[in-house]
Amino acid sequence: MNLDDAINHALQQSKNIKNTQCRLEHLQLYNWLKELKKFKEGENYGA
Protein backbone atom coordinates (compact mmCIF):
# COMPACT_ATOMS: atom_id res chain seq x y z
CA MET A 1 0.00 0.00 0.00
CA ASN A 2 1.36 3.42 -0.88
CA LEU A 3 0.38 6.84 0.47
CA ASP A 4 -2.29 7.44 -2.19
CA ASP A 5 -3.81 4.02 -1.44
CA ALA A 6 -3.89 4.84 2.27
CA ILE A 7 -5.54 8.22 1.60
CA ASN A 8 -8.22 6.61 -0.56
CA HIS A 9 -8.77 3.80 1.94
CA ALA A 10 -9.22 6.20 4.85
CA LEU A 11 -11.68 8.29 2.83
CA GLN A 12 -13.71 5.27 1.77
CA GLN A 13 -13.81 3.95 5.32
CA SER A 14 -14.96 7.34 6.61
CA LYS A 15 -17.90 7.11 4.20
CA ASN A 16 -18.80 3.48 4.91
CA ILE A 17 -18.41 3.07 8.68
CA LYS A 18 -21.58 3.50 10.70
CA ASN A 19 -19.89 3.94 14.09
CA THR A 20 -19.58 7.71 14.49
CA GLN A 21 -16.33 7.71 16.48
CA CYS A 22 -14.60 5.30 14.10
CA ARG A 23 -15.87 7.25 11.08
CA LEU A 24 -14.52 10.50 12.53
CA GLU A 25 -11.16 8.87 13.28
CA HIS A 26 -10.85 7.68 9.68
CA LEU A 27 -11.77 11.15 8.46
CA GLN A 28 -9.06 12.63 10.68
CA LEU A 29 -6.58 10.05 9.38
CA TYR A 30 -7.56 10.98 5.82
CA ASN A 31 -6.85 14.66 6.54
CA TRP A 32 -3.49 13.89 8.16
CA LEU A 33 -2.46 11.70 5.25
CA LYS A 34 -3.38 14.41 2.74
CA GLU A 35 -1.30 16.88 4.77
CA LEU A 36 1.62 14.43 4.80
CA LYS A 37 1.36 14.03 1.03
CA LYS A 38 1.48 17.82 0.52
CA PHE A 39 4.50 18.04 2.83
CA LYS A 40 6.34 15.25 1.02
CA GLU A 41 5.55 16.77 -2.38
CA GLY A 42 6.91 20.11 -1.15
CA GLU A 43 10.17 18.43 -0.12
CA ASN A 44 10.53 17.05 -3.63
CA TYR A 45 10.19 20.51 -5.14
CA GLY A 46 12.54 22.28 -2.76
CA ALA A 47 9.81 24.09 -0.83
C-alpha atoms as a PDB file:
ATOM      1  CA  MET A   1       0.000   0.000   0.000  1.00  0.00           C
ATOM      2  CA  ASN A   2       1.359   3.424  -0.883  1.00  0.00           C
ATOM      3  CA  LEU A   3       0.379   6.842   0.474  1.00  0.00           C
ATOM      4  CA  ASP A   4      -2.292   7.437  -2.190  1.00  0.00           C
ATOM      5  CA  ASP A   5      -3.810   4.023  -1.443  1.00  0.00           C
ATOM      6  CA  ALA A   6      -3.891   4.845   2.272  1.00  0.00           C
ATOM      7  CA  ILE A   7      -5.543   8.217   1.597  1.00  0.00           C
ATOM      8  CA  ASN A   8      -8.216   6.608  -0.564  1.00  0.00           C
ATOM      9  CA  HIS A   9      -8.769   3.803   1.938  1.00  0.00           C
ATOM     10  CA  ALA A  10      -9.221   6.205   4.850  1.00  0.00           C
ATOM     11  CA  LEU A  11     -11.680   8.293   2.827  1.00  0.00           C
ATOM     12  CA  GLN A  12     -13.710   5.272   1.766  1.00  0.00           C
ATOM     13  CA  GLN A  13     -13.812   3.951   5.320  1.00  0.00           C
ATOM     14  CA  SER A  14     -14.958   7.336   6.614  1.00  0.00           C
ATOM     15  CA  LYS A  15     -17.898   7.115   4.202  1.00  0.00           C
ATOM     16  CA  ASN A  16     -18.800   3.478   4.912  1.00  0.00           C
ATOM     17  CA  ILE A  17     -18.411   3.074   8.679  1.00  0.00           C
ATOM     18  CA  LYS A  18     -21.578   3.503  10.703  1.00  0.00           C
ATOM     19  CA  ASN A  19     -19.886   3.940  14.091  1.00  0.00           C
ATOM     20  CA  THR A  20     -19.578   7.709  14.493  1.00  0.00           C
ATOM     21  CA  GLN A  21     -16.328   7.709  16.481  1.00  0.00           C
ATOM     22  CA  CYS A  22     -14.599   5.304  14.102  1.00  0.00           C
ATOM     23  CA  ARG A  23     -15.872   7.254  11.083  1.00  0.00           C
ATOM     24  CA  LEU A  24     -14.519  10.505  12.530  1.00  0.00           C
ATOM     25  CA  GLU A  25     -11.162   8.875  13.279  1.00  0.00           C
ATOM     26  CA  HIS A  26     -10.853   7.679   9.684  1.00  0.00           C
ATOM     27  CA  LEU A  27     -11.768  11.145   8.455  1.00  0.00           C
ATOM     28  CA  GLN A  28      -9.056  12.633  10.677  1.00  0.00           C
ATOM     29  CA  LEU A  29      -6.579  10.045   9.378  1.00  0.00           C
ATOM     30  CA  TYR A  30      -7.564  10.982   5.816  1.00  0.00           C
ATOM     31  CA  ASN A  31      -6.854  14.658   6.537  1.00  0.00           C
ATOM     32  CA  TRP A  32      -3.487  13.885   8.159  1.00  0.00           C
ATOM     33  CA  LEU A  33      -2.457  11.696   5.251  1.00  0.00           C
ATOM     34  CA  LYS A  34      -3.377  14.412   2.740  1.00  0.00           C
ATOM     35  CA  GLU A  35      -1.301  16.878   4.770  1.00  0.00           C
ATOM     36  CA  LEU A  36       1.618  14.435   4.802  1.00  0.00           C
ATOM     37  CA  LYS A  37       1.365  14.030   1.032  1.00  0.00           C
ATOM     38  CA  LYS A  38       1.483  17.816   0.522  1.00  0.00           C
ATOM     39  CA  PHE A  39       4.497  18.041   2.825  1.00  0.00           C
ATOM     40  CA  LYS A  40       6.338  15.249   1.018  1.00  0.00           C
ATOM     41  CA  GLU A  41       5.550  16.767  -2.383  1.00  0.00           C
ATOM     42  CA  GLY A  42       6.907  20.108  -1.149  1.00  0.00           C
ATOM     43  CA  GLU A  43      10.165  18.435  -0.120  1.00  0.00           C
ATOM     44  CA  ASN A  44      10.527  17.046  -3.633  1.00  0.00           C
ATOM     45  CA  TYR A  45      10.187  20.512  -5.144  1.00  0.00           C
ATOM     46  CA  GLY A  46      12.545  22.283  -2.762  1.00  0.00           C
ATOM     47  CA  ALA A  47       9.808  24.091  -0.833  1.00  0.00           C
END
